[in-house]
Protein backbone atom coordinates (compact mmCIF):
# COMPACT_ATOMS: atom_id res chain seq x y z
CA MET A 1 151.33 106.74 99.91
CA ARG A 2 151.94 105.15 96.40
CA ARG A 3 154.73 106.00 94.63
CA GLN A 4 153.86 108.77 92.05
CA ILE A 5 155.68 109.42 88.68
CA LEU A 6 155.87 112.61 86.80
CA LEU A 7 154.16 112.73 83.52
CA PRO A 8 156.44 114.31 80.80
CA ALA A 9 153.17 116.23 79.30
CA ALA A 10 153.05 119.17 77.03
CA LEU A 11 153.06 122.75 76.95
CA LEU A 12 149.84 123.12 75.09
CA SER A 13 147.88 125.88 73.35
CA LEU A 14 144.46 124.42 72.95
CA GLY A 15 142.26 126.92 71.17
CA LEU A 16 139.66 125.57 68.50
CA ALA A 17 142.17 124.73 65.78
CA ALA A 18 140.77 124.21 62.46
CA PHE A 19 142.05 120.70 62.38
CA THR A 20 140.21 117.33 61.57
CA PRO A 21 142.39 114.46 61.99
CA PRO A 22 142.10 111.76 59.20
CA PRO A 23 139.73 108.78 59.81
CA ALA A 24 141.45 105.71 61.25
CA ALA A 25 140.99 102.13 60.24
CA ALA A 26 138.61 100.14 62.33
CA PRO A 27 140.72 98.91 65.25
CA PRO A 28 141.36 95.43 65.93
CA MET A 29 140.02 93.62 69.04
CA ALA A 30 142.13 94.12 72.08
CA HIS A 31 143.08 92.09 75.00
CA TYR A 32 142.33 93.83 78.23
CA LEU A 33 144.59 94.09 81.01
CA ASP A 34 143.25 92.76 84.56
CA PRO A 35 142.79 95.57 87.19
CA ALA A 36 144.83 96.18 90.01
CA PRO A 37 143.05 94.52 93.13
CA GLY A 38 141.59 97.15 95.12
CA ASP A 39 142.65 100.16 93.15
CA PRO A 40 139.92 102.84 93.96
CA ASN A 41 140.78 104.92 90.58
CA THR A 42 139.64 102.23 88.37
CA THR A 43 136.79 99.56 88.07
CA ASP A 44 136.87 95.76 87.25
CA GLU A 45 133.78 95.89 85.01
CA PRO A 46 133.99 94.24 81.79
CA VAL A 47 134.86 96.81 78.99
CA GLN A 48 132.58 96.73 75.91
CA ASP A 49 132.26 98.88 72.89
CA HIS A 50 129.02 100.42 72.87
CA LYS A 51 130.20 103.68 71.32
CA LEU A 52 127.09 104.74 69.48
CA ILE A 53 127.35 108.25 68.25
CA ILE A 54 123.61 109.41 68.00
CA TYR A 55 122.38 112.60 66.42
CA GLN A 56 118.98 113.69 67.50
CA VAL A 57 116.73 115.34 64.88
CA MET A 58 113.28 116.54 65.70
CA VAL A 59 111.92 116.10 62.31
CA ARG A 60 109.41 118.90 62.56
CA LEU A 61 112.18 121.56 63.13
CA PHE A 62 115.14 120.15 61.17
CA GLY A 63 114.40 121.04 57.62
CA ASN A 64 112.04 123.98 58.34
CA GLN A 65 113.54 126.91 56.32
CA LYS A 66 110.97 129.73 57.43
CA THR A 67 111.98 132.27 59.78
CA LEU A 68 109.06 134.26 61.03
CA ASN A 69 108.85 132.45 64.40
CA LYS A 70 105.54 133.80 65.34
CA PRO A 71 104.47 132.86 68.97
CA TYR A 72 101.71 130.16 68.45
CA GLY A 73 102.24 130.62 64.73
CA THR A 74 100.31 128.39 62.33
CA LEU A 75 102.00 125.80 60.04
CA ALA A 76 101.49 128.04 57.14
CA GLU A 77 102.95 131.07 59.05
CA ASN A 78 105.97 129.29 60.94
CA GLY A 79 106.74 126.38 58.64
CA VAL A 80 107.41 122.80 59.43
CA GLY A 81 110.09 120.51 58.42
CA LYS A 82 109.26 117.27 56.39
CA PHE A 83 110.77 113.97 55.94
CA ASN A 84 111.85 114.75 52.32
CA ASP A 85 113.86 117.76 53.82
CA ILE A 86 116.31 115.34 55.31
CA SER A 87 118.32 114.94 52.08
CA ALA A 88 121.17 112.64 51.30
CA THR A 89 123.30 115.59 51.54
CA ALA A 90 122.03 116.48 55.04
CA LEU A 91 122.67 112.81 56.05
CA GLN A 92 126.12 112.89 54.71
CA GLU A 93 127.15 115.66 56.67
CA ILE A 94 125.65 114.32 59.82
CA LYS A 95 127.59 111.12 59.08
CA LYS A 96 130.77 113.34 58.85
CA LEU A 97 130.01 114.86 62.25
CA GLY A 98 131.01 111.27 63.63
CA ALA A 99 127.48 110.13 64.00
CA SER A 100 126.54 106.52 63.66
CA HIS A 101 122.64 106.82 64.48
CA VAL A 102 120.03 109.37 63.98
CA TRP A 103 117.22 109.47 66.41
CA TYR A 104 114.06 110.92 64.52
CA THR A 105 111.98 112.34 67.27
CA GLY A 106 108.25 113.00 66.65
CA VAL A 107 107.80 110.56 63.94
CA LEU A 108 104.45 108.92 65.26
CA GLU A 109 101.04 110.90 64.52
CA HIS A 110 100.21 112.87 67.53
CA ALA A 111 97.38 115.12 68.64
CA THR A 112 97.49 118.53 66.66
CA MET A 113 95.60 121.81 66.23
CA THR A 114 96.11 121.60 62.41
CA ASP A 115 93.11 120.26 60.70
CA TYR A 116 93.94 117.17 58.63
CA SER A 117 90.04 116.04 58.44
CA LYS A 118 90.07 116.19 54.70
CA PHE A 119 92.64 113.19 54.72
CA GLY A 120 90.27 111.07 56.90
CA ILE A 121 92.19 112.19 60.15
CA ALA A 122 89.87 113.37 62.79
CA LEU A 123 90.28 116.88 64.03
CA ASP A 124 91.53 117.08 67.59
CA ASP A 125 89.98 119.19 70.64
CA ALA A 126 92.22 122.34 71.72
CA ASP A 127 91.09 121.42 75.24
CA VAL A 128 93.55 118.60 75.19
CA VAL A 129 96.34 119.81 73.04
CA LYS A 130 99.42 121.55 74.20
CA GLY A 131 100.36 123.92 71.54
CA ARG A 132 99.57 124.80 68.06
CA ALA A 133 101.65 121.60 66.78
CA GLY A 134 100.84 119.60 69.48
CA SER A 135 103.40 117.37 71.68
CA PRO A 136 104.74 114.51 69.92
CA TYR A 137 104.59 112.49 73.01
CA ALA A 138 100.76 112.72 73.06
CA VAL A 139 100.55 109.78 70.38
CA LYS A 140 97.02 109.86 68.36
CA ASP A 141 98.01 106.73 66.40
CA TYR A 142 100.84 104.47 67.05
CA TYR A 143 100.37 102.78 63.60
CA ASP A 144 100.89 106.15 61.54
CA VAL A 145 103.39 108.83 60.97
CA ASP A 146 102.91 112.73 61.43
CA PRO A 147 100.94 114.10 58.66
CA ASP A 148 102.98 117.25 59.38
CA LEU A 149 106.04 115.74 58.13
CA ALA A 150 104.89 114.74 54.94
CA VAL A 151 104.79 116.51 51.52
CA ASN A 152 101.94 114.44 50.18
CA VAL A 153 99.89 113.42 53.32
CA PRO A 154 98.13 110.32 51.74
CA LYS A 155 101.55 109.07 51.19
CA ARG A 156 103.23 110.00 54.45
CA MET A 157 104.24 106.26 55.22
CA GLN A 158 105.86 105.91 51.88
CA GLU A 159 107.85 109.35 52.59
CA PHE A 160 108.91 108.01 56.19
CA GLU A 161 110.08 104.60 54.62
CA ALA A 162 112.18 106.49 51.99
CA LEU A 163 113.78 108.32 54.74
CA VAL A 164 114.55 105.22 56.37
CA LYS A 165 116.28 103.78 53.21
CA ARG A 166 117.90 107.10 52.54
CA THR A 167 119.58 107.13 56.07
CA HIS A 168 120.66 103.63 55.71
CA ASP A 169 122.20 104.16 52.24
CA SER A 170 124.17 107.04 54.05
CA GLY A 171 125.59 104.72 56.36
CA LEU A 172 123.48 105.53 59.34
CA LYS A 173 121.06 103.61 61.43
CA VAL A 174 117.68 104.75 62.40
CA ILE A 175 116.12 105.25 65.93
CA ILE A 176 112.58 106.44 66.59
CA ASP A 177 110.44 107.04 69.73
CA PHE A 178 108.42 104.48 71.54
CA ILE A 179 106.16 106.09 73.87
CA PRO A 180 104.79 103.33 76.00
CA ASN A 181 103.17 104.90 79.25
CA HIS A 182 100.54 107.13 77.57
CA VAL A 183 98.71 108.08 74.69
CA ALA A 184 96.67 111.14 73.69
CA ARG A 185 93.24 111.56 75.11
CA SER A 186 91.90 111.45 71.64
CA TYR A 187 93.74 108.18 70.76
CA LYS A 188 92.11 106.51 67.74
CA SER A 189 94.04 104.44 65.17
CA ASP A 190 92.90 104.89 61.72
CA ALA A 191 95.87 103.40 60.20
CA LYS A 192 95.96 100.23 62.17
CA PRO A 193 96.48 96.87 59.97
CA ALA A 194 93.42 94.74 59.49
CA GLY A 195 92.41 92.66 62.32
CA VAL A 196 93.98 94.79 65.06
CA VAL A 197 91.58 95.88 67.86
CA ASP A 198 92.28 99.51 69.05
CA LEU A 199 93.32 100.47 72.50
CA GLY A 200 90.30 100.69 74.75
CA GLU A 201 87.81 99.16 72.33
CA LYS A 202 86.92 96.23 74.41
CA ASP A 203 87.61 97.80 77.86
CA ASP A 204 85.22 97.53 80.65
CA LYS A 205 84.66 101.12 81.63
CA THR A 206 82.48 100.27 84.61
CA LYS A 207 85.75 99.21 86.41
CA ALA A 208 88.44 101.45 87.62
CA PHE A 209 90.92 98.54 86.91
CA ALA A 210 90.81 95.40 85.26
CA PRO A 211 93.85 93.28 83.76
CA SER A 212 92.46 93.11 80.60
CA ASN A 213 91.62 96.84 80.22
CA ASN A 214 94.05 99.02 78.40
CA PHE A 215 93.25 102.13 80.26
CA TYR A 216 92.36 103.19 83.96
CA TYR A 217 88.97 104.65 84.52
CA LEU A 218 87.14 106.83 87.32
CA PRO A 219 83.88 105.28 86.89
CA GLY A 220 80.96 107.98 87.56
CA LYS A 221 83.12 110.79 87.15
CA ALA A 222 83.72 113.13 84.06
CA PHE A 223 86.95 114.60 83.06
CA VAL A 224 87.49 118.18 83.68
CA VAL A 225 89.65 120.36 81.65
CA PRO A 226 92.34 122.13 83.92
CA LYS A 227 91.71 125.67 84.93
CA GLY A 228 93.92 127.98 82.89
CA ALA A 229 94.26 125.55 80.10
CA ASP A 230 94.81 127.96 77.30
CA PRO A 231 96.92 126.37 74.62
CA LEU A 232 97.06 129.35 72.10
CA GLY A 233 96.85 132.13 74.57
CA PRO A 234 94.52 135.07 74.87
CA ALA A 235 94.84 136.04 71.30
CA ALA A 236 93.31 133.11 69.73
CA LYS A 237 91.16 129.93 70.17
CA GLY A 238 91.94 126.50 68.98
CA PRO A 239 89.49 124.06 67.37
CA LYS A 240 86.67 123.18 69.89
CA GLU A 241 88.45 125.12 72.61
CA ASP A 242 85.63 125.73 75.16
CA SER A 243 86.69 123.61 78.29
CA LYS A 244 83.91 121.24 77.62
CA TYR A 245 86.03 118.28 76.47
CA LEU A 246 83.71 115.15 76.83
CA GLU A 247 85.39 112.09 78.64
CA THR A 248 82.96 110.01 80.53
CA PRO A 249 83.96 108.10 82.57
CA ALA A 250 87.31 110.13 82.96
CA LYS A 251 90.55 108.17 82.53
CA ALA A 252 93.63 108.53 84.70
CA THR A 253 96.09 111.01 83.44
CA GLY A 254 99.61 110.15 81.87
CA ASN A 255 101.58 111.06 84.83
CA ASP A 256 99.86 108.72 87.20
CA VAL A 257 97.08 111.14 88.22
CA PHE A 258 94.01 109.27 89.16
CA SER A 259 91.58 112.16 89.45
CA GLU A 260 89.07 113.54 87.10
CA THR A 261 90.65 116.93 87.56
CA PRO A 262 94.21 116.96 86.81
CA LYS A 263 96.17 120.40 87.34
CA ILE A 264 97.39 122.53 84.55
CA ASP A 265 100.99 121.24 85.04
CA ASP A 266 100.09 117.66 84.88
CA TRP A 267 100.27 115.80 81.52
CA TYR A 268 96.41 116.34 81.05
CA GLU A 269 96.57 115.97 77.32
CA THR A 270 97.55 112.33 77.81
CA VAL A 271 95.94 109.17 79.37
CA LYS A 272 97.86 106.49 81.22
CA LEU A 273 98.08 102.79 79.75
CA ASN A 274 97.49 99.86 82.06
CA TYR A 275 100.10 97.28 82.10
CA GLY A 276 98.58 95.11 84.66
CA VAL A 277 99.44 97.27 87.76
CA ASP A 278 96.50 98.28 90.14
CA TYR A 279 98.25 101.68 91.19
CA GLN A 280 95.09 102.30 93.81
CA ASN A 281 95.48 98.96 95.58
CA SER A 282 99.34 99.14 96.78
CA ARG A 283 100.58 98.65 92.94
CA GLN A 284 99.56 94.95 92.80
CA LEU A 285 100.52 93.13 89.76
CA HIS A 286 98.24 91.17 87.61
CA LEU A 287 100.59 89.60 84.91
CA ASN A 288 99.18 86.32 84.42
CA PRO A 289 97.74 85.84 81.73
CA VAL A 290 100.00 88.49 79.94
CA PRO A 291 98.06 91.71 79.88
CA ASP A 292 96.19 92.66 76.71
CA THR A 293 98.21 95.99 76.80
CA TRP A 294 101.46 94.12 76.49
CA LEU A 295 100.37 92.13 73.55
CA LYS A 296 99.14 95.39 71.61
CA MET A 297 102.50 97.06 72.44
CA ARG A 298 104.43 94.16 71.34
CA ASP A 299 102.43 94.34 67.95
CA ILE A 300 103.24 98.00 67.50
CA LEU A 301 106.92 97.46 68.22
CA VAL A 302 107.02 94.71 65.65
CA PHE A 303 105.25 96.75 63.19
CA TRP A 304 108.08 99.41 63.17
CA ALA A 305 110.75 96.78 63.32
CA GLN A 306 109.51 95.52 60.05
CA LYS A 307 109.66 99.09 58.78
CA ASP A 308 113.49 98.52 59.17
CA VAL A 309 114.09 100.78 61.94
CA ASP A 310 117.22 100.00 64.02
CA GLY A 311 116.18 100.84 67.59
CA PHE A 312 113.66 102.70 69.80
CA ARG A 313 114.17 105.28 72.27
CA CYS A 314 111.55 104.34 75.12
CA ASP A 315 109.84 107.41 76.64
CA MET A 316 109.59 107.29 80.37
CA ALA A 317 110.57 103.82 80.67
CA GLU A 318 110.39 103.57 84.35
CA MET A 319 106.68 104.33 84.45
CA VAL A 320 106.00 100.92 82.70
CA PRO A 321 106.67 97.88 84.94
CA VAL A 322 110.22 96.10 84.26
CA GLU A 323 108.37 92.98 83.86
CA PHE A 324 106.89 94.21 80.64
CA TRP A 325 110.29 95.21 79.15
CA ALA A 326 111.70 91.85 80.42
CA TRP A 327 109.05 90.18 78.13
CA VAL A 328 108.70 92.71 75.18
CA ILE A 329 112.49 93.36 74.31
CA PRO A 330 113.31 89.75 73.57
CA GLU A 331 110.09 89.32 71.79
CA VAL A 332 110.91 91.94 69.31
CA LYS A 333 114.53 90.90 68.98
CA LYS A 334 113.08 87.47 67.80
CA VAL A 335 111.71 89.48 64.67
CA LYS A 336 114.69 91.67 64.26
CA PRO A 337 118.05 90.53 66.13
CA GLY A 338 120.27 93.44 66.85
CA ILE A 339 117.63 96.25 67.36
CA ILE A 340 118.23 98.25 70.26
CA PHE A 341 116.30 99.76 73.17
CA MET A 342 117.28 102.89 75.00
CA GLY A 343 115.41 103.80 78.15
CA GLU A 344 114.66 107.37 79.43
CA ALA A 345 115.26 106.70 82.86
CA TYR A 346 115.88 108.86 86.00
CA ASN A 347 116.18 106.56 89.09
CA ALA A 348 119.72 105.56 89.59
CA LYS A 349 118.79 102.91 92.23
CA GLU A 350 116.65 101.16 89.19
CA TYR A 351 119.42 101.21 86.67
CA ARG A 352 120.67 97.65 87.38
CA THR A 353 117.14 96.33 87.40
CA TYR A 354 116.00 97.79 84.07
CA LEU A 355 119.29 97.00 82.28
CA GLU A 356 119.62 93.30 83.79
CA LYS A 357 116.09 92.25 84.41
CA GLY A 358 114.32 94.59 81.91
CA GLN A 359 116.95 93.73 79.20
CA PHE A 360 117.32 97.50 77.81
CA ASP A 361 120.60 98.03 75.94
CA TYR A 362 121.02 101.56 77.27
CA LEU A 363 119.64 104.01 79.83
CA TYR A 364 119.67 107.85 80.00
CA ASP A 365 122.47 109.00 82.28
CA LYS A 366 120.79 112.17 82.99
CA VAL A 367 120.70 112.34 86.97
CA GLY A 368 124.36 111.42 87.08
CA LEU A 369 126.80 112.98 84.56
CA TYR A 370 124.63 115.43 82.91
CA ASP A 371 123.47 116.92 86.23
CA GLY A 372 126.88 116.96 87.52
CA LEU A 373 128.40 118.56 84.50
CA ARG A 374 125.85 121.14 84.31
CA ARG A 375 126.65 122.25 87.66
CA LEU A 376 130.44 122.40 86.62
CA MET A 377 129.28 124.52 83.42
CA THR A 378 127.30 127.03 85.51
CA GLY A 379 130.26 127.38 88.16
CA ASN A 380 128.33 125.61 90.85
CA GLY A 381 129.65 122.17 90.96
CA LYS A 382 132.68 120.14 91.52
CA THR A 383 134.54 117.47 89.69
CA ASP A 384 133.64 115.04 92.64
CA ASP A 385 130.27 114.93 90.86
CA ILE A 386 132.03 113.21 88.03
CA ASN A 387 134.05 110.71 90.45
CA TYR A 388 130.69 109.73 91.87
CA VAL A 389 129.15 108.77 88.27
CA TRP A 390 131.83 106.27 87.33
CA SER A 391 132.80 105.03 90.97
CA ARG A 392 129.37 104.49 92.50
CA GLU A 393 126.26 105.50 90.42
CA SER A 394 126.90 103.44 87.21
CA ARG A 395 129.57 101.12 88.38
CA GLY A 396 129.45 97.86 86.38
CA TYR A 397 127.31 99.26 83.69
CA SER A 398 128.85 102.62 82.64
CA SER A 399 129.33 101.41 78.99
CA ARG A 400 125.53 101.09 78.81
CA MET A 401 124.68 104.55 79.89
CA LEU A 402 123.58 106.94 77.15
CA ARG A 403 125.45 110.49 77.92
CA PHE A 404 124.57 113.80 76.48
CA LEU A 405 124.45 117.60 77.28
CA GLU A 406 121.40 118.26 75.31
CA ASN A 407 118.07 116.83 73.99
CA HIS A 408 114.58 118.12 73.44
CA ASP A 409 113.76 118.00 77.14
CA GLU A 410 116.64 120.15 78.46
CA GLN A 411 117.70 123.55 78.17
CA ARG A 412 120.17 124.47 75.42
CA ILE A 413 123.73 125.19 76.64
CA ALA A 414 124.01 128.45 74.97
CA SER A 415 120.65 129.70 76.68
CA LYS A 416 120.67 132.15 79.49
CA ASP A 417 119.11 129.44 81.52
CA PHE A 418 121.86 127.32 81.22
CA ALA A 419 125.43 128.20 80.71
CA GLY A 420 124.72 131.29 78.37
CA ASP A 421 127.72 130.56 76.24
CA THR A 422 128.94 127.76 74.10
CA LYS A 423 132.49 127.66 75.68
CA PRO A 424 131.81 125.56 78.76
CA ALA A 425 130.41 122.69 76.32
CA ILE A 426 134.02 122.14 75.28
CA PRO A 427 135.40 120.28 78.44
CA ALA A 428 131.91 119.07 79.26
CA MET A 429 131.29 117.42 75.94
CA THR A 430 134.86 115.99 76.00
CA VAL A 431 134.26 114.29 79.25
CA THR A 432 130.57 113.28 78.19
CA ALA A 433 131.96 111.64 74.83
CA THR A 434 135.22 110.14 76.15
CA LEU A 435 134.39 109.18 80.14
CA GLY A 436 133.21 105.63 78.98
CA SER A 437 132.69 103.21 76.27
CA GLY A 438 128.82 103.92 75.96
CA PRO A 439 126.85 105.69 73.76
CA VAL A 440 126.86 109.44 73.22
CA MET A 441 124.17 112.00 71.79
CA VAL A 442 124.10 115.44 70.22
CA TYR A 443 120.88 117.32 69.75
CA CYS A 444 120.47 119.07 66.27
CA GLY A 445 121.78 122.62 66.90
CA GLN A 446 123.98 121.94 69.70
CA GLU A 447 126.99 121.81 67.39
CA VAL A 448 126.31 125.35 66.12
CA GLY A 449 125.39 126.99 69.66
CA GLU A 450 121.67 127.23 69.07
CA PRO A 451 120.41 129.07 72.35
CA GLY A 452 116.62 128.35 72.17
CA ARG A 453 115.73 132.13 72.31
CA GLY A 454 112.08 133.03 71.67
CA ALA A 455 108.69 132.75 73.39
CA GLU A 456 107.37 130.11 70.93
CA GLY A 457 104.05 129.90 72.22
CA PHE A 458 102.65 127.26 74.60
CA SER A 459 106.18 126.54 76.34
CA SER A 460 107.11 130.32 76.38
CA GLU A 461 110.70 131.23 76.61
CA ASP A 462 112.36 128.61 78.79
CA GLY A 463 115.63 128.01 77.17
CA ARG A 464 114.42 125.03 75.12
CA THR A 465 113.59 124.51 71.56
CA THR A 466 110.04 123.98 71.60
CA ILE A 467 108.30 120.58 71.04
CA PHE A 468 104.80 122.21 71.08
CA ASP A 469 104.83 124.79 68.30
CA TYR A 470 105.77 125.12 64.75
CA TRP A 471 109.09 126.98 64.75
CA GLY A 472 112.30 127.49 62.99
CA VAL A 473 115.53 126.90 64.70
CA PRO A 474 117.69 130.00 63.54
CA GLU A 475 121.23 129.02 64.32
CA HIS A 476 120.48 125.55 62.92
CA GLN A 477 119.18 127.33 59.87
CA LYS A 478 122.14 129.01 59.23
CA TRP A 479 124.10 125.66 58.85
CA MET A 480 121.20 124.54 56.78
CA ASN A 481 121.81 127.18 54.29
CA GLY A 482 118.60 126.89 52.19
CA GLY A 483 119.06 123.23 51.95
CA LYS A 484 122.65 123.28 50.96
CA PHE A 485 123.57 121.94 54.49
CA ASP A 486 127.15 123.31 54.10
CA GLY A 487 127.44 125.80 56.97
CA GLY A 488 127.74 128.69 54.67
CA LYS A 489 125.78 131.18 56.95
CA LEU A 490 127.70 130.27 60.04
CA SER A 491 129.88 132.69 61.91
CA LEU A 492 133.62 132.02 62.26
CA GLN A 493 132.84 131.12 65.97
CA GLN A 494 130.15 128.68 65.06
CA LYS A 495 132.27 127.17 62.50
CA GLN A 496 134.94 126.52 65.05
CA LEU A 497 132.48 124.96 67.61
CA ARG A 498 131.03 122.68 64.81
CA ASP A 499 134.45 121.74 64.14
CA PHE A 500 135.18 120.92 67.63
CA TYR A 501 132.17 118.53 67.67
CA GLN A 502 133.30 116.92 64.51
CA ARG A 503 136.84 116.25 65.75
CA LEU A 504 135.62 114.98 69.00
CA LEU A 505 132.91 112.69 67.60
CA THR A 506 135.06 111.46 64.79
CA LEU A 507 137.88 110.56 67.36
CA CYS A 508 135.38 108.47 69.47
CA ALA A 509 134.30 106.60 66.51
CA ASN A 510 137.72 105.56 65.46
CA ASN A 511 139.95 105.37 68.42
CA GLU A 512 140.11 101.94 70.04
CA ALA A 513 140.94 103.22 73.40
CA LEU A 514 138.09 105.72 73.59
CA ARG A 515 135.55 103.12 72.23
CA LYS A 516 136.39 100.15 74.40
CA GLY A 517 139.35 101.13 76.42
CA ARG A 518 139.74 100.68 80.35
CA PHE A 519 139.14 103.75 82.52
CA TYR A 520 141.61 105.17 85.20
CA GLU A 521 141.11 108.47 86.99
CA LEU A 522 143.89 110.66 87.93
CA GLN A 523 142.13 112.90 90.51
CA ASP A 524 143.56 111.11 93.40
CA ALA A 525 147.16 111.21 92.24
CA ASN A 526 147.05 114.95 91.63
CA ASN A 527 144.92 116.00 94.69
CA LEU A 528 147.26 114.32 97.00
CA SER A 529 150.39 116.37 95.71
CA LYS A 530 147.93 119.72 95.17
CA GLU A 531 149.26 119.71 91.46
CA TYR A 532 146.29 121.56 90.40
CA ASP A 533 142.60 122.87 91.28
CA ASP A 534 140.65 119.55 91.50
CA LYS A 535 137.46 121.66 91.45
CA LYS A 536 137.87 122.95 87.95
CA LEU A 537 140.19 120.45 86.37
CA TYR A 538 139.59 116.88 85.67
CA SER A 539 141.84 114.12 84.14
CA TYR A 540 141.74 110.37 83.50
CA LEU A 541 143.21 107.52 81.19
CA ARG A 542 141.32 105.26 78.72
CA PHE A 543 143.48 102.58 77.35
CA THR A 544 143.68 99.30 75.66
CA ASP A 545 147.02 97.20 75.49
CA LYS A 546 147.82 98.81 72.06
CA GLN A 547 146.39 102.53 72.74
CA ARG A 548 146.71 104.96 75.81
CA MET A 549 144.69 108.13 76.12
CA LEU A 550 144.97 110.88 78.53
CA ILE A 551 142.30 113.27 78.75
CA VAL A 552 142.50 116.55 80.59
CA ALA A 553 139.46 119.02 80.82
CA ASN A 554 139.53 122.28 82.15
CA PHE A 555 136.24 123.95 83.37
CA SER A 556 137.72 127.20 84.67
CA PRO A 557 136.83 130.48 83.00
CA THR A 558 140.35 131.23 83.28
CA GLN A 559 143.68 129.67 81.99
CA THR A 560 144.74 126.82 84.26
CA TYR A 561 148.50 125.74 84.72
CA VAL A 562 149.61 122.40 85.86
CA PRO A 563 153.40 122.19 86.53
CA THR A 564 153.34 118.36 86.65
CA LEU A 565 150.49 116.05 85.86
CA LYS A 566 151.19 112.74 87.83
CA ILE A 567 150.13 109.13 86.72
CA PRO A 568 150.75 106.73 89.41
CA ASP A 569 152.63 103.67 88.89
CA GLY A 570 149.62 101.36 89.39
CA ALA A 571 148.25 103.19 86.29
CA TRP A 572 151.43 102.73 84.19
CA LYS A 573 151.40 98.97 85.18
CA LEU A 574 147.69 98.54 83.93
CA MET A 575 148.73 100.19 80.85
CA GLY A 576 151.37 97.57 80.25
CA LEU A 577 154.15 100.27 80.19
CA ASP A 578 157.42 100.98 82.48
CA PRO A 579 158.14 104.63 82.58
CA LEU A 580 161.38 103.88 84.12
CA ARG A 581 162.54 102.11 81.15
CA ALA A 582 160.98 103.95 78.24
CA GLN A 583 160.53 107.50 76.86
CA PHE A 584 157.13 108.41 75.42
CA THR A 585 155.67 110.88 72.92
CA TYR A 586 152.45 112.69 73.61
CA THR A 587 150.26 114.04 70.83
CA ASP A 588 146.97 116.09 71.33
CA VAL A 589 144.86 114.10 68.97
CA LEU A 590 141.81 116.31 69.69
CA ASN A 591 143.41 119.64 68.82
CA GLY A 592 145.91 118.41 66.32
CA ARG A 593 149.04 119.77 68.14
CA ALA A 594 152.32 118.42 68.26
CA VAL A 595 153.88 117.99 71.86
CA ASN A 596 157.34 118.53 73.19
CA ASN A 597 158.88 117.10 76.22
CA THR A 598 158.48 119.86 78.85
CA PRO A 599 156.57 118.32 81.98
CA ARG A 600 153.68 121.04 82.26
CA ILE A 601 150.53 121.86 80.73
CA THR A 602 148.74 125.16 79.98
CA LEU A 603 144.96 125.04 79.28
CA PRO A 604 143.01 127.78 77.98
CA PRO A 605 139.50 128.75 79.65
CA TYR A 606 136.95 126.12 79.17
CA SER A 607 139.29 123.73 76.99
CA ALA A 608 140.17 119.96 76.88
CA ALA A 609 142.91 117.83 75.64
CA ILE A 610 143.15 114.25 74.47
CA LEU A 611 146.95 113.07 74.57
CA ASP A 612 147.98 109.81 72.79
CA ILE A 613 150.77 108.26 75.00
CA THR A 614 153.02 106.35 72.41
CA PRO A 615 156.29 104.69 73.74
CA LEU A 616 159.44 105.46 71.66
CA GLN A 617 161.08 102.41 70.18
C-alpha cells in the first residue's frame, strides 16, 4: 500500500453564499510536471487549455416575453424571440456569467407552419412539419436565417449580422448550428447566392444511389405520411394537412430509414443527404471524385464563416462519414483559421476517429459524463461512473470533450423527469466544469432552475423546453425582467442558484489550474482507508506548478462528514510539494470561505468545494 498523508483540510459550511470572487488576471503559461509512471490515478495525456464556456441560446425562446403558453399556440398567441431581443445588456450579463461563447440555436431557416409567403417564402405542408413553429433541425434553406427571428423579415439577414457584431462587441464569440445529415422534405433555397445549384436539382431520380446525387431515392415509390401524424393535435389543422404530401419518388428519411413509409417516431419531416455512402450495398464508399454534396456543404460552411461566425455545432456528426469531416474542416479553416467545429457524438468507440481523423475540435460527452452524473443526481448512480470517463472513455482527449448537464435535447434538471430539484446540480455542475480542461456548456434557463413544465404542443410535457412550438420560458423570463436582464423577478433561491453558476464559471474562466491543470483522482486513496462514502462523494486535484486545487463534491441528500481527506504522496510529488517540510493554507474559492487548520470536512447536502492549496512561506 502506498504511504498516505493526511490533508489538513477545513471544517466547511458550504451553502450558496452570496460571494463573487474578483476576476483574476489572465494566468501565465505553466510548465507541467511529468506524471508518475504507472500511477492509475492520473493520466499522461498532454494538458491543453480548451476551457471554452458556452452559453446556449435558443433564439426563438430567449427574448420572448409573452406568457400565454397555449399548447400549439400561434406566433401571435405565444410570441417568439427575435435577434434584436438579444441586446448588448443581455450579452453583457451572459459575459458576466463567465461565458466566452454563445451558441445561437435555430438560426437557419427551417420548415414551419407560420405563413411567410408574402415575403416570397413558400408555405410549408403541415404533413411534414413537427409542431407549430417547426423543428430548427429541419432546414429549409441553408443560405438563409429563420424569418421568425426578424423584426423586419426582408432584412432578416442584416438583423442576424448585427447580432454577430453585437456579440463580438460584448467580448463573446458566436457559434451556430450546422445540420449536415438531413434537410426538410420541403428544402428549396430561395436565398442561395448567384450560381449556386440547389440540393437535388441535378439528381438522377431514377437511381436509388448515385455518387453525384445529393439525396437517396426509392424509385417507383411515393412517400407516405406516417399514420398518426397530427402536428397540431385534434383541435386544429395546419396548412395543407391532409396526409397527401406528394413526393415521388420517395426520398430516404433523415434517420437512415430507406422506406417510403417511415414511422411516426422517425424523423419523417426530413430527408437524408448523400455523402457518397451506398447504405443499401454494405455502406460502400464512393468518394473519388469528391461527392457533389461535399462541395455544396463546404460552400455553405464557407458562406457562414464569411458572416464572421466563430464556430459550428455540427448536428449528428457521426451520421456523416468521417472522411467528409477530414476533408471539409481543413477547407473551412483555410478561409477562417481558428474557427471551431463541435460535433454532436454518441459513440465513444468512435471519439478518437472523429477527433484525430475527422479533425473535430470538440465532441459531446453525453454518453459518458452526462449520463453518469445524471444517475448520481437521481440517486441511481455511483462515482465509479466518473472514474470510467476520465480513465477509459476519454483517456487521451478529455480536454476535447464538451461537457454539460442541459441542452435543447435533454430534460431540464429541475423537471420531474430528471432530478425534480435544482440542488443536485451543484455538485454535478462543479464536476462538469472542473473535471477537465475542455469546454463546458450551460443552456439558457438552467442557471435559474427552469423546470420545463407545460404541454407545449407537439412534444407534450416531457421535461424539455420545446424546440417544436412557440413558447415562453417562465423562469428565464423572470431573469429577463421585461428586457432589463437584471433578474429582478427571480426568487431568492433562484438568485442564489444563478450566483453559484456565475461563481463557478467565472472561476473556471480565470483559474490556471482549472483551465489547464493536470488531474489526479483521490477516490482510491480514500476508499482504501474508508474515509468517506465513495458512492456519494467524489474528490480530485487539478494543478499546475503554480496553482493547486482540491475539488470535493457531495452527491448525497444528507450532510457528509469527512474526518480526514487523504492525498497520497505521489500526488504531492506531482504537485511539486513536500507536506513533511511545509504547511499549507486552504481556501474555498468557490464559496468564498476562509479555512482553518482542522483536518476535517463537513459538506452540506448536494454541495461542493474548490479548495486552493497554498504553501505558507
